[in-house]
Amino acid sequence: MVQINSIDFQNIDPKILTAASALKEGKIVLIQTQTVWSLICLLDDDKSVERLLSFKRDNFHFNYECLVNSIEQFKYYVPDLSPRVETLLSFHSRPLSILLTSDNLPEHIANLSSKIAFRMDNSVGISTIIQLVSQGLWTTSAFIGEEIKGNAFDAIDESVKALADEIVELKNSKNITGEEAVLVELDGEDNLEFLRE
């Protein structure tokens, strides 16, 4: 068994490698995250980020987020991460997005808003892809309207599928919730305000 950076390349789903390769080429990938079917691209790829931003411009905080795969990577982007948030991320049973300020995001994302939603994705596919590309991912749900059909690929609008340069259906879909993450914001005293439950 060959392992590089804790990735077992002999047993990895080849589709994960395909997705990582497409992202490195500046492509947008349609894939299931831990929550719902989503469009993803690399955080540092300004052209791909702009393409995703053209998809949904309204209600920015509810439509876009930065995916990371560990507390350590979370702290890279948000060095002053509150211990309370760290504890919450470790023990919250549902996927959790948190609106936070960050000094370590690429300029084309940092300029969008003073706060960006961050989410730690624990699904095998996304977590491995993040490891392979060595950075967080920029993402938005693949669903246009209010109704989210997280595990229903057939419910994704054809215009969304057309925006994707690569569509990746992973065999192993464990830990997929099929619903959007809980979205919270912290006030000045680190109290949580739930924006989406």
N, C-alpha and C. Protein backbone atom coordinates (compact mmCIF):
# COMPACT_ATOMS: atom_id res chain seq x y z
N MET A 1 0.84 -1.18 0.00
CA MET A 1 0.00 0.00 0.00
C MET A 1 0.89 1.24 0.00
N VAL A 2 0.68 2.10 -1.00
CA VAL A 2 1.45 3.33 -1.11
C VAL A 2 0.63 4.47 -0.53
N GLN A 3 1.22 5.24 0.36
CA GLN A 3 0.53 6.39 0.94
C GLN A 3 1.39 7.63 0.82
N ILE A 4 0.77 8.70 0.34
CA ILE A 4 1.41 10.01 0.31
C ILE A 4 0.46 10.96 0.99
N ASN A 5 0.93 11.66 2.02
CA ASN A 5 0.07 12.57 2.78
C ASN A 5 -1.19 11.87 3.28
N SER A 6 -1.04 10.63 3.74
CA SER A 6 -2.14 9.83 4.30
C SER A 6 -3.22 9.48 3.28
N ILE A 7 -2.90 9.54 2.00
CA ILE A 7 -3.87 9.16 0.96
C ILE A 7 -3.45 7.81 0.41
N ASP A 8 -4.37 6.86 0.45
CA ASP A 8 -4.13 5.51 -0.06
C ASP A 8 -4.49 5.50 -1.55
N PHE A 9 -3.49 5.72 -2.40
CA PHE A 9 -3.75 5.85 -3.83
C PHE A 9 -4.18 4.54 -4.48
N GLN A 10 -3.88 3.40 -3.86
CA GLN A 10 -4.30 2.12 -4.44
C GLN A 10 -5.79 1.88 -4.25
N ASN A 11 -6.34 2.41 -3.18
CA ASN A 11 -7.75 2.16 -2.90
C ASN A 11 -8.65 3.38 -3.10
N ILE A 12 -8.08 4.44 -3.59
CA ILE A 12 -8.86 5.66 -3.78
C ILE A 12 -9.78 5.50 -5.00
N ASP A 13 -10.98 6.05 -4.90
CA ASP A 13 -11.91 6.04 -6.02
C ASP A 13 -11.29 6.87 -7.15
N PRO A 14 -11.09 6.30 -8.34
CA PRO A 14 -10.48 7.04 -9.44
C PRO A 14 -11.23 8.33 -9.78
N LYS A 15 -12.52 8.37 -9.46
CA LYS A 15 -13.30 9.59 -9.74
C LYS A 15 -12.84 10.75 -8.86
N ILE A 16 -12.34 10.44 -7.67
CA ILE A 16 -11.80 11.49 -6.79
C ILE A 16 -10.55 12.09 -7.44
N LEU A 17 -9.71 11.24 -8.01
CA LEU A 17 -8.52 11.72 -8.72
C LEU A 17 -8.91 12.56 -9.93
N THR A 18 -9.96 12.13 -10.64
CA THR A 18 -10.46 12.88 -11.79
C THR A 18 -10.93 14.27 -11.37
N ALA A 19 -11.68 14.33 -10.26
CA ALA A 19 -12.17 15.62 -9.76
C ALA A 19 -11.03 16.53 -9.37
N ALA A 20 -10.04 16.00 -8.65
CA ALA A 20 -8.89 16.81 -8.21
C ALA A 20 -8.12 17.33 -9.41
N SER A 21 -7.93 16.48 -10.41
CA SER A 21 -7.21 16.89 -11.62
C SER A 21 -7.97 17.98 -12.36
N ALA A 22 -9.28 17.84 -12.47
CA ALA A 22 -10.10 18.85 -13.15
C ALA A 22 -10.01 20.19 -12.41
N LEU A 23 -10.07 20.16 -11.10
CA LEU A 23 -9.97 21.39 -10.32
C LEU A 23 -8.63 22.08 -10.54
N LYS A 24 -7.56 21.30 -10.58
CA LYS A 24 -6.22 21.87 -10.80
C LYS A 24 -6.10 22.49 -12.18
N GLU A 25 -6.93 22.05 -13.12
CA GLU A 25 -6.94 22.61 -14.47
C GLU A 25 -7.85 23.84 -14.56
N GLY A 26 -8.42 24.27 -13.43
CA GLY A 26 -9.29 25.45 -13.44
C GLY A 26 -10.72 25.16 -13.79
N LYS A 27 -11.13 23.92 -13.66
CA LYS A 27 -12.50 23.54 -14.02
C LYS A 27 -13.42 23.60 -12.81
N ILE A 28 -14.71 23.66 -13.11
CA ILE A 28 -15.76 23.57 -12.09
C ILE A 28 -16.30 22.15 -12.11
N VAL A 29 -16.44 21.57 -10.92
CA VAL A 29 -16.87 20.18 -10.79
C VAL A 29 -18.22 20.14 -10.08
N LEU A 30 -19.13 19.34 -10.60
CA LEU A 30 -20.41 19.07 -9.96
C LEU A 30 -20.26 17.75 -9.22
N ILE A 31 -20.46 17.77 -7.89
CA ILE A 31 -20.18 16.61 -7.06
C ILE A 31 -21.02 16.69 -5.78
N GLN A 32 -21.23 15.55 -5.14
CA GLN A 32 -21.90 15.57 -3.84
C GLN A 32 -20.89 15.95 -2.77
N THR A 33 -21.22 16.97 -2.00
CA THR A 33 -20.44 17.29 -0.81
C THR A 33 -21.11 16.56 0.35
N GLN A 34 -20.69 16.84 1.56
CA GLN A 34 -21.31 16.19 2.71
C GLN A 34 -22.77 16.57 2.84
N THR A 35 -23.13 17.72 2.29
CA THR A 35 -24.51 18.19 2.43
C THR A 35 -25.34 17.84 1.20
N VAL A 36 -25.12 18.53 0.09
CA VAL A 36 -25.93 18.36 -1.11
C VAL A 36 -25.04 18.35 -2.35
N TRP A 37 -25.65 18.02 -3.49
CA TRP A 37 -24.95 18.17 -4.76
C TRP A 37 -24.53 19.63 -4.89
N SER A 38 -23.28 19.86 -5.26
CA SER A 38 -22.73 21.22 -5.29
C SER A 38 -21.78 21.40 -6.46
N LEU A 39 -21.60 22.65 -6.83
CA LEU A 39 -20.56 23.04 -7.78
C LEU A 39 -19.36 23.49 -6.96
N ILE A 40 -18.16 22.99 -7.29
CA ILE A 40 -16.96 23.36 -6.54
C ILE A 40 -15.86 23.81 -7.49
N CYS A 41 -14.97 24.65 -6.95
CA CYS A 41 -13.76 25.04 -7.67
C CYS A 41 -12.69 25.36 -6.63
N LEU A 42 -11.48 25.58 -7.08
CA LEU A 42 -10.39 25.92 -6.17
C LEU A 42 -10.56 27.35 -5.65
N LEU A 43 -10.22 27.55 -4.39
CA LEU A 43 -10.30 28.89 -3.80
C LEU A 43 -9.42 29.89 -4.53
N ASP A 44 -8.23 29.46 -4.95
CA ASP A 44 -7.29 30.43 -5.53
C ASP A 44 -7.45 30.62 -7.04
N ASP A 45 -8.43 29.97 -7.64
CA ASP A 45 -8.65 30.12 -9.09
C ASP A 45 -9.69 31.21 -9.33
N ASP A 46 -9.23 32.43 -9.55
CA ASP A 46 -10.15 33.57 -9.65
C ASP A 46 -11.15 33.44 -10.79
N LYS A 47 -10.75 32.85 -11.92
CA LYS A 47 -11.67 32.72 -13.06
C LYS A 47 -12.81 31.75 -12.74
N SER A 48 -12.48 30.62 -12.11
CA SER A 48 -13.52 29.65 -11.75
C SER A 48 -14.43 30.22 -10.67
N VAL A 49 -13.86 30.91 -9.70
CA VAL A 49 -14.66 31.54 -8.66
C VAL A 49 -15.64 32.53 -9.29
N GLU A 50 -15.17 33.34 -10.23
CA GLU A 50 -16.04 34.31 -10.91
C GLU A 50 -17.16 33.61 -11.67
N ARG A 51 -16.84 32.49 -12.32
CA ARG A 51 -17.89 31.73 -13.02
C ARG A 51 -18.95 31.25 -12.04
N LEU A 52 -18.52 30.77 -10.88
CA LEU A 52 -19.49 30.32 -9.88
C LEU A 52 -20.31 31.48 -9.34
N LEU A 53 -19.65 32.62 -9.14
CA LEU A 53 -20.36 33.78 -8.62
C LEU A 53 -21.43 34.28 -9.59
N SER A 54 -21.22 34.07 -10.87
CA SER A 54 -22.22 34.49 -11.86
C SER A 54 -23.46 33.61 -11.80
N PHE A 55 -23.34 32.45 -11.17
CA PHE A 55 -24.44 31.49 -11.07
C PHE A 55 -25.51 31.98 -10.10
N LYS A 56 -25.08 32.47 -8.93
CA LYS A 56 -26.02 32.97 -7.92
C LYS A 56 -25.42 34.22 -7.30
N ARG A 57 -26.02 35.35 -7.59
CA ARG A 57 -25.47 36.61 -7.06
C ARG A 57 -26.23 37.10 -5.83
N ASP A 58 -27.47 36.68 -5.67
CA ASP A 58 -28.25 37.18 -4.55
C ASP A 58 -28.01 36.34 -3.29
N ASN A 59 -28.28 36.94 -2.15
CA ASN A 59 -28.22 36.24 -0.87
C ASN A 59 -26.88 35.53 -0.69
N PHE A 60 -25.80 36.27 -0.88
CA PHE A 60 -24.44 35.74 -0.95
C PHE A 60 -24.09 34.79 0.19
N HIS A 61 -24.33 35.19 1.44
CA HIS A 61 -23.92 34.37 2.58
C HIS A 61 -24.64 33.04 2.65
N PHE A 62 -25.81 32.96 2.08
CA PHE A 62 -26.56 31.72 2.10
C PHE A 62 -26.22 30.83 0.91
N ASN A 63 -25.58 31.37 -0.10
CA ASN A 63 -25.36 30.63 -1.33
C ASN A 63 -23.93 30.12 -1.55
N TYR A 64 -22.95 30.69 -0.88
CA TYR A 64 -21.55 30.30 -1.12
C TYR A 64 -20.83 30.01 0.18
N GLU A 65 -19.88 29.10 0.11
CA GLU A 65 -19.07 28.82 1.29
C GLU A 65 -17.71 28.27 0.89
N CYS A 66 -16.80 28.35 1.84
CA CYS A 66 -15.46 27.81 1.68
C CYS A 66 -15.40 26.48 2.42
N LEU A 67 -15.04 25.42 1.71
CA LEU A 67 -14.94 24.10 2.32
C LEU A 67 -13.51 23.82 2.74
N VAL A 68 -13.35 23.31 3.95
CA VAL A 68 -12.05 22.84 4.45
C VAL A 68 -12.25 21.41 4.93
N ASN A 69 -11.14 20.71 5.21
CA ASN A 69 -11.28 19.31 5.59
C ASN A 69 -10.76 18.98 6.98
N SER A 70 -10.35 20.00 7.74
CA SER A 70 -9.82 19.73 9.08
C SER A 70 -9.83 21.02 9.90
N ILE A 71 -9.73 20.85 11.20
CA ILE A 71 -9.60 22.01 12.09
C ILE A 71 -8.32 22.77 11.74
N GLU A 72 -7.25 22.04 11.44
CA GLU A 72 -5.97 22.68 11.10
C GLU A 72 -6.11 23.58 9.88
N GLN A 73 -6.79 23.09 8.84
CA GLN A 73 -6.98 23.91 7.64
C GLN A 73 -7.93 25.07 7.94
N PHE A 74 -8.93 24.83 8.77
CA PHE A 74 -9.83 25.89 9.20
C PHE A 74 -9.01 27.02 9.83
N LYS A 75 -8.07 26.64 10.70
CA LYS A 75 -7.24 27.63 11.40
C LYS A 75 -6.25 28.32 10.47
N TYR A 76 -5.91 27.69 9.37
CA TYR A 76 -5.05 28.36 8.39
C TYR A 76 -5.79 29.57 7.82
N TYR A 77 -7.05 29.36 7.45
CA TYR A 77 -7.83 30.46 6.87
C TYR A 77 -8.35 31.43 7.93
N VAL A 78 -8.61 30.91 9.13
CA VAL A 78 -9.12 31.74 10.23
C VAL A 78 -8.21 31.51 11.45
N PRO A 79 -7.03 32.16 11.48
CA PRO A 79 -6.05 31.90 12.54
C PRO A 79 -6.56 32.18 13.95
N ASP A 80 -7.46 33.13 14.09
CA ASP A 80 -7.97 33.46 15.43
C ASP A 80 -9.29 32.75 15.71
N LEU A 81 -9.42 31.52 15.21
CA LEU A 81 -10.64 30.74 15.41
C LEU A 81 -10.92 30.58 16.90
N SER A 82 -12.11 30.95 17.29
CA SER A 82 -12.51 30.88 18.69
C SER A 82 -12.51 29.42 19.17
N PRO A 83 -12.00 29.16 20.38
CA PRO A 83 -12.05 27.80 20.94
C PRO A 83 -13.48 27.27 21.01
N ARG A 84 -14.43 28.17 21.20
CA ARG A 84 -15.83 27.76 21.25
C ARG A 84 -16.27 27.20 19.89
N VAL A 85 -15.83 27.86 18.81
CA VAL A 85 -16.16 27.38 17.46
C VAL A 85 -15.49 26.05 17.21
N GLU A 86 -14.24 25.93 17.63
CA GLU A 86 -13.51 24.68 17.45
C GLU A 86 -14.24 23.51 18.14
N THR A 87 -14.69 23.74 19.34
CA THR A 87 -15.45 22.72 20.07
C THR A 87 -16.75 22.40 19.35
N LEU A 88 -17.44 23.43 18.90
CA LEU A 88 -18.70 23.25 18.18
C LEU A 88 -18.49 22.42 16.91
N LEU A 89 -17.43 22.72 16.17
CA LEU A 89 -17.13 21.96 14.94
C LEU A 89 -16.86 20.49 15.24
N SER A 90 -16.24 20.23 16.36
CA SER A 90 -15.89 18.85 16.72
C SER A 90 -17.10 18.03 17.15
N PHE A 91 -18.11 18.68 17.73
CA PHE A 91 -19.19 17.91 18.33
C PHE A 91 -20.56 18.11 17.69
N HIS A 92 -20.69 19.08 16.80
CA HIS A 92 -22.00 19.32 16.17
C HIS A 92 -22.35 18.13 15.29
N SER A 93 -23.56 17.61 15.43
CA SER A 93 -23.92 16.38 14.72
C SER A 93 -24.23 16.62 13.24
N ARG A 94 -24.70 17.80 12.89
CA ARG A 94 -25.00 18.11 11.48
C ARG A 94 -23.89 18.99 10.91
N PRO A 95 -23.71 18.98 9.58
CA PRO A 95 -22.74 19.90 8.98
C PRO A 95 -23.06 21.35 9.36
N LEU A 96 -22.01 22.11 9.65
CA LEU A 96 -22.16 23.44 10.20
C LEU A 96 -21.35 24.44 9.41
N SER A 97 -22.00 25.47 8.89
CA SER A 97 -21.32 26.59 8.23
C SER A 97 -21.31 27.77 9.19
N ILE A 98 -20.15 28.44 9.27
CA ILE A 98 -20.00 29.55 10.20
C ILE A 98 -19.50 30.77 9.44
N LEU A 99 -20.21 31.89 9.57
CA LEU A 99 -19.78 33.15 8.96
C LEU A 99 -18.64 33.73 9.79
N LEU A 100 -17.47 33.89 9.16
CA LEU A 100 -16.28 34.37 9.87
C LEU A 100 -15.48 35.32 9.00
N THR A 101 -14.68 36.15 9.64
CA THR A 101 -13.72 36.97 8.90
C THR A 101 -12.44 36.18 8.74
N SER A 102 -11.71 36.45 7.65
CA SER A 102 -10.46 35.74 7.38
C SER A 102 -9.48 36.65 6.67
N ASP A 103 -8.24 36.62 7.13
CA ASP A 103 -7.18 37.38 6.47
C ASP A 103 -6.39 36.52 5.49
N ASN A 104 -6.69 35.24 5.43
CA ASN A 104 -5.88 34.32 4.61
C ASN A 104 -6.61 33.77 3.39
N LEU A 105 -7.62 34.46 2.93
CA LEU A 105 -8.30 34.04 1.70
C LEU A 105 -7.70 34.78 0.52
N PRO A 106 -7.76 34.20 -0.67
CA PRO A 106 -7.32 34.94 -1.86
C PRO A 106 -8.10 36.25 -2.00
N GLU A 107 -7.45 37.25 -2.55
CA GLU A 107 -8.04 38.59 -2.64
C GLU A 107 -9.39 38.60 -3.33
N HIS A 108 -9.54 37.79 -4.41
CA HIS A 108 -10.80 37.80 -5.16
C HIS A 108 -11.97 37.28 -4.32
N ILE A 109 -11.71 36.54 -3.26
CA ILE A 109 -12.78 36.11 -2.36
C ILE A 109 -12.87 37.06 -1.17
N ALA A 110 -11.74 37.45 -0.61
CA ALA A 110 -11.73 38.36 0.54
C ALA A 110 -12.45 39.66 0.23
N ASN A 111 -12.39 40.11 -1.02
CA ASN A 111 -13.03 41.36 -1.41
C ASN A 111 -14.55 41.26 -1.55
N LEU A 112 -15.08 40.05 -1.53
CA LEU A 112 -16.51 39.86 -1.72
C LEU A 112 -17.33 40.32 -0.53
N SER A 113 -16.80 40.07 0.67
CA SER A 113 -17.56 40.35 1.88
C SER A 113 -16.62 40.35 3.08
N SER A 114 -17.02 41.03 4.13
CA SER A 114 -16.20 41.02 5.34
C SER A 114 -16.27 39.67 6.04
N LYS A 115 -17.34 38.92 5.80
CA LYS A 115 -17.48 37.59 6.39
C LYS A 115 -17.80 36.57 5.31
N ILE A 116 -17.17 35.41 5.43
CA ILE A 116 -17.37 34.30 4.49
C ILE A 116 -17.83 33.09 5.29
N ALA A 117 -18.73 32.31 4.71
CA ALA A 117 -19.17 31.07 5.37
C ALA A 117 -18.11 29.99 5.16
N PHE A 118 -17.70 29.37 6.25
CA PHE A 118 -16.74 28.27 6.21
C PHE A 118 -17.44 27.01 6.72
N ARG A 119 -17.11 25.88 6.08
CA ARG A 119 -17.67 24.60 6.53
C ARG A 119 -16.61 23.52 6.43
N MET A 120 -16.53 22.71 7.46
CA MET A 120 -15.63 21.56 7.44
C MET A 120 -16.41 20.39 6.86
N ASP A 121 -15.94 19.86 5.73
CA ASP A 121 -16.62 18.75 5.06
C ASP A 121 -15.91 17.45 5.40
N ASN A 122 -16.64 16.53 6.03
CA ASN A 122 -16.06 15.26 6.48
C ASN A 122 -16.34 14.09 5.55
N SER A 123 -16.94 14.36 4.39
CA SER A 123 -17.18 13.25 3.47
C SER A 123 -15.84 12.79 2.89
N VAL A 124 -15.74 11.50 2.62
CA VAL A 124 -14.49 10.93 2.12
C VAL A 124 -14.07 11.60 0.81
N GLY A 125 -15.01 11.80 -0.10
CA GLY A 125 -14.68 12.37 -1.41
C GLY A 125 -14.12 13.78 -1.31
N ILE A 126 -14.85 14.68 -0.67
CA ILE A 126 -14.43 16.08 -0.60
C ILE A 126 -13.18 16.22 0.26
N SER A 127 -13.13 15.53 1.38
CA SER A 127 -11.96 15.61 2.24
C SER A 127 -10.69 15.19 1.50
N THR A 128 -10.79 14.12 0.72
CA THR A 128 -9.63 13.64 -0.04
C THR A 128 -9.27 14.61 -1.16
N ILE A 129 -10.27 15.14 -1.84
CA ILE A 129 -10.01 16.12 -2.91
C ILE A 129 -9.27 17.33 -2.34
N ILE A 130 -9.71 17.82 -1.19
CA ILE A 130 -9.04 18.97 -0.57
C ILE A 130 -7.58 18.63 -0.27
N GLN A 131 -7.34 17.42 0.21
CA GLN A 131 -5.95 16.99 0.45
C GLN A 131 -5.14 16.99 -0.84
N LEU A 132 -5.74 16.48 -1.91
CA LEU A 132 -5.03 16.37 -3.18
C LEU A 132 -4.71 17.72 -3.81
N VAL A 133 -5.58 18.70 -3.61
CA VAL A 133 -5.34 20.02 -4.22
C VAL A 133 -4.65 20.99 -3.27
N SER A 134 -4.49 20.58 -2.01
CA SER A 134 -3.76 21.36 -1.00
C SER A 134 -4.33 22.75 -0.74
N GLN A 135 -5.64 22.86 -0.79
CA GLN A 135 -6.30 24.12 -0.46
C GLN A 135 -7.79 23.88 -0.28
N GLY A 136 -8.46 24.89 0.27
CA GLY A 136 -9.90 24.81 0.42
C GLY A 136 -10.60 24.94 -0.92
N LEU A 137 -11.91 24.69 -0.90
CA LEU A 137 -12.73 24.75 -2.11
C LEU A 137 -13.80 25.83 -1.96
N TRP A 138 -14.14 26.46 -3.06
CA TRP A 138 -15.24 27.42 -3.12
C TRP A 138 -16.44 26.66 -3.66
N THR A 139 -17.59 26.79 -3.03
CA THR A 139 -18.72 25.96 -3.43
C THR A 139 -20.06 26.68 -3.32
N THR A 140 -21.02 26.17 -4.08
CA THR A 140 -22.41 26.60 -3.97
C THR A 140 -23.29 25.40 -4.28
N SER A 141 -24.45 25.35 -3.67
CA SER A 141 -25.40 24.27 -3.92
C SER A 141 -25.75 24.22 -5.41
N ALA A 142 -25.98 23.03 -5.91
CA ALA A 142 -26.32 22.85 -7.33
C ALA A 142 -27.80 23.11 -7.62
N PHE A 143 -28.53 23.54 -6.62
CA PHE A 143 -29.96 23.76 -6.80
C PHE A 143 -30.27 25.24 -6.87
N ILE A 144 -31.13 25.61 -7.79
CA ILE A 144 -31.40 27.03 -8.05
C ILE A 144 -32.50 27.58 -7.16
N GLY A 145 -33.59 26.89 -7.03
CA GLY A 145 -34.73 27.39 -6.26
C GLY A 145 -34.56 27.18 -4.77
N GLU A 146 -35.66 27.37 -4.06
CA GLU A 146 -35.67 27.21 -2.61
C GLU A 146 -35.59 25.75 -2.20
N GLU A 147 -36.12 24.85 -3.03
CA GLU A 147 -36.17 23.44 -2.66
C GLU A 147 -34.82 22.77 -2.93
N ILE A 148 -34.24 22.21 -1.89
CA ILE A 148 -32.96 21.53 -1.98
C ILE A 148 -33.21 20.02 -2.04
N LYS A 149 -32.71 19.40 -3.10
CA LYS A 149 -32.85 17.95 -3.26
C LYS A 149 -31.44 17.37 -3.30
N GLY A 150 -30.82 17.29 -2.14
CA GLY A 150 -29.41 17.00 -2.02
C GLY A 150 -28.90 15.73 -2.65
N ASN A 151 -29.68 14.66 -2.62
CA ASN A 151 -29.21 13.40 -3.17
C ASN A 151 -29.86 13.05 -4.50
N ALA A 152 -30.66 13.96 -5.03
CA ALA A 152 -31.41 13.68 -6.25
C ALA A 152 -30.72 14.34 -7.45
N PHE A 153 -29.82 13.60 -8.09
CA PHE A 153 -29.10 14.14 -9.24
C PHE A 153 -30.05 14.56 -10.35
N ASP A 154 -31.11 13.79 -10.56
CA ASP A 154 -32.07 14.09 -11.63
C ASP A 154 -32.81 15.40 -11.40
N ALA A 155 -32.82 15.89 -10.15
CA ALA A 155 -33.52 17.14 -9.83
C ALA A 155 -32.67 18.37 -10.13
N ILE A 156 -31.40 18.16 -10.48
CA ILE A 156 -30.52 19.30 -10.78
C ILE A 156 -30.85 19.85 -12.15
N ASP A 157 -31.04 21.15 -12.23
CA ASP A 157 -31.39 21.81 -13.48
C ASP A 157 -30.30 21.62 -14.53
N GLU A 158 -30.71 21.50 -15.77
CA GLU A 158 -29.75 21.28 -16.87
C GLU A 158 -28.76 22.44 -17.01
N SER A 159 -29.19 23.66 -16.66
CA SER A 159 -28.28 24.81 -16.75
C SER A 159 -27.12 24.67 -15.75
N VAL A 160 -27.39 24.03 -14.62
CA VAL A 160 -26.35 23.79 -13.62
C VAL A 160 -25.37 22.75 -14.15
N LYS A 161 -25.90 21.70 -14.71
CA LYS A 161 -25.05 20.64 -15.27
C LYS A 161 -24.19 21.21 -16.40
N ALA A 162 -24.75 22.15 -17.17
CA ALA A 162 -23.99 22.76 -18.27
C ALA A 162 -22.87 23.65 -17.76
N LEU A 163 -23.04 24.25 -16.60
CA LEU A 163 -21.99 25.10 -16.01
C LEU A 163 -20.80 24.27 -15.56
N ALA A 164 -21.05 23.02 -15.18
CA ALA A 164 -19.97 22.15 -14.70
C ALA A 164 -19.12 21.66 -15.87
N ASP A 165 -17.80 21.72 -15.69
CA ASP A 165 -16.89 21.17 -16.69
C ASP A 165 -16.72 19.66 -16.50
N GLU A 166 -17.00 19.20 -15.30
CA GLU A 166 -16.84 17.78 -14.95
C GLU A 166 -17.95 17.42 -13.97
N ILE A 167 -18.60 16.29 -14.20
CA ILE A 167 -19.61 15.77 -13.27
C ILE A 167 -19.05 14.49 -12.68
N VAL A 168 -18.98 14.45 -11.35
CA VAL A 168 -18.37 13.31 -10.66
C VAL A 168 -19.38 12.70 -9.71
N GLU A 169 -19.75 11.45 -10.00
CA GLU A 169 -20.64 10.70 -9.12
C GLU A 169 -19.80 9.66 -8.39
N LEU A 170 -19.64 9.84 -7.10
CA LEU A 170 -18.81 8.93 -6.31
C LEU A 170 -19.61 7.70 -5.87
N LYS A 171 -18.93 6.56 -5.81
CA LYS A 171 -19.59 5.32 -5.38
C LYS A 171 -19.94 5.38 -3.89
N ASN A 172 -19.00 5.87 -3.10
CA ASN A 172 -19.18 5.87 -1.66
C ASN A 172 -19.81 7.19 -1.23
N SER A 173 -21.07 7.14 -0.85
CA SER A 173 -21.76 8.38 -0.47
C SER A 173 -22.12 8.36 1.02
N LYS A 174 -21.29 7.71 1.83
CA LYS A 174 -21.53 7.73 3.28
C LYS A 174 -21.36 9.15 3.81
N ASN A 175 -22.04 9.44 4.88
CA ASN A 175 -21.99 10.75 5.55
C ASN A 175 -22.65 11.86 4.74
N ILE A 176 -23.37 11.56 3.68
CA ILE A 176 -24.06 12.59 2.90
C ILE A 176 -25.42 12.84 3.54
N THR A 177 -25.69 14.08 3.94
CA THR A 177 -26.94 14.37 4.65
C THR A 177 -28.12 14.63 3.72
N GLY A 178 -27.85 15.18 2.54
CA GLY A 178 -28.94 15.52 1.62
C GLY A 178 -29.66 16.80 1.99
N GLU A 179 -29.12 17.56 2.94
CA GLU A 179 -29.72 18.84 3.31
C GLU A 179 -28.62 19.86 3.55
N GLU A 180 -29.00 21.13 3.45
CA GLU A 180 -28.01 22.20 3.64
C GLU A 180 -27.49 22.21 5.07
N ALA A 181 -26.30 22.78 5.21
CA ALA A 181 -25.70 22.89 6.54
C ALA A 181 -26.42 23.92 7.39
N VAL A 182 -26.36 23.73 8.68
CA VAL A 182 -26.79 24.76 9.61
C VAL A 182 -25.86 25.95 9.42
N LEU A 183 -26.40 27.17 9.37
CA LEU A 183 -25.58 28.36 9.19
C LEU A 183 -25.68 29.23 10.44
N VAL A 184 -24.51 29.55 11.01
CA VAL A 184 -24.49 30.36 12.22
C VAL A 184 -23.51 31.52 12.07
N GLU A 185 -23.71 32.52 12.91
CA GLU A 185 -22.80 33.65 12.98
C GLU A 185 -22.53 33.91 14.45
N LEU A 186 -21.32 34.37 14.77
CA LEU A 186 -20.99 34.68 16.15
C LEU A 186 -21.10 36.17 16.38
N ASP A 187 -21.65 36.55 17.54
CA ASP A 187 -21.67 37.96 17.87
C ASP A 187 -20.35 38.33 18.56
N GLY A 188 -20.21 39.55 19.03
CA GLY A 188 -18.97 40.02 19.64
C GLY A 188 -18.56 39.27 20.89
N GLU A 189 -19.51 38.55 21.51
CA GLU A 189 -19.22 37.79 22.73
C GLU A 189 -19.19 36.29 22.46
N ASP A 190 -19.02 35.90 21.19
CA ASP A 190 -18.96 34.50 20.78
C ASP A 190 -20.25 33.73 21.03
N ASN A 191 -21.37 34.43 21.08
CA ASN A 191 -22.66 33.75 21.15
C ASN A 191 -23.12 33.45 19.74
N LEU A 192 -23.77 32.30 19.57
CA LEU A 192 -24.20 31.88 18.24
C LEU A 192 -25.56 32.43 17.90
N GLU A 193 -25.67 32.94 16.66
CA GLU A 193 -26.95 33.34 16.11
C GLU A 193 -27.21 32.40 14.95
N PHE A 194 -28.31 31.67 14.99
CA PHE A 194 -28.63 30.71 13.93
C PHE A 194 -29.33 31.44 12.79
N LEU A 195 -28.73 31.39 11.61
CA LEU A 195 -29.29 32.04 10.43
C LEU A 195 -30.07 31.04 9.56
N ARG A 196 -29.68 29.77 9.67
CA ARG A 196 -30.40 28.69 8.97
C ARG A 196 -30.26 27.44 9.81
N GLU A 197 -31.40 26.83 10.17
CA GLU A 197 -31.35 25.63 11.01
C GLU A 197 -31.79 24.41 10.25
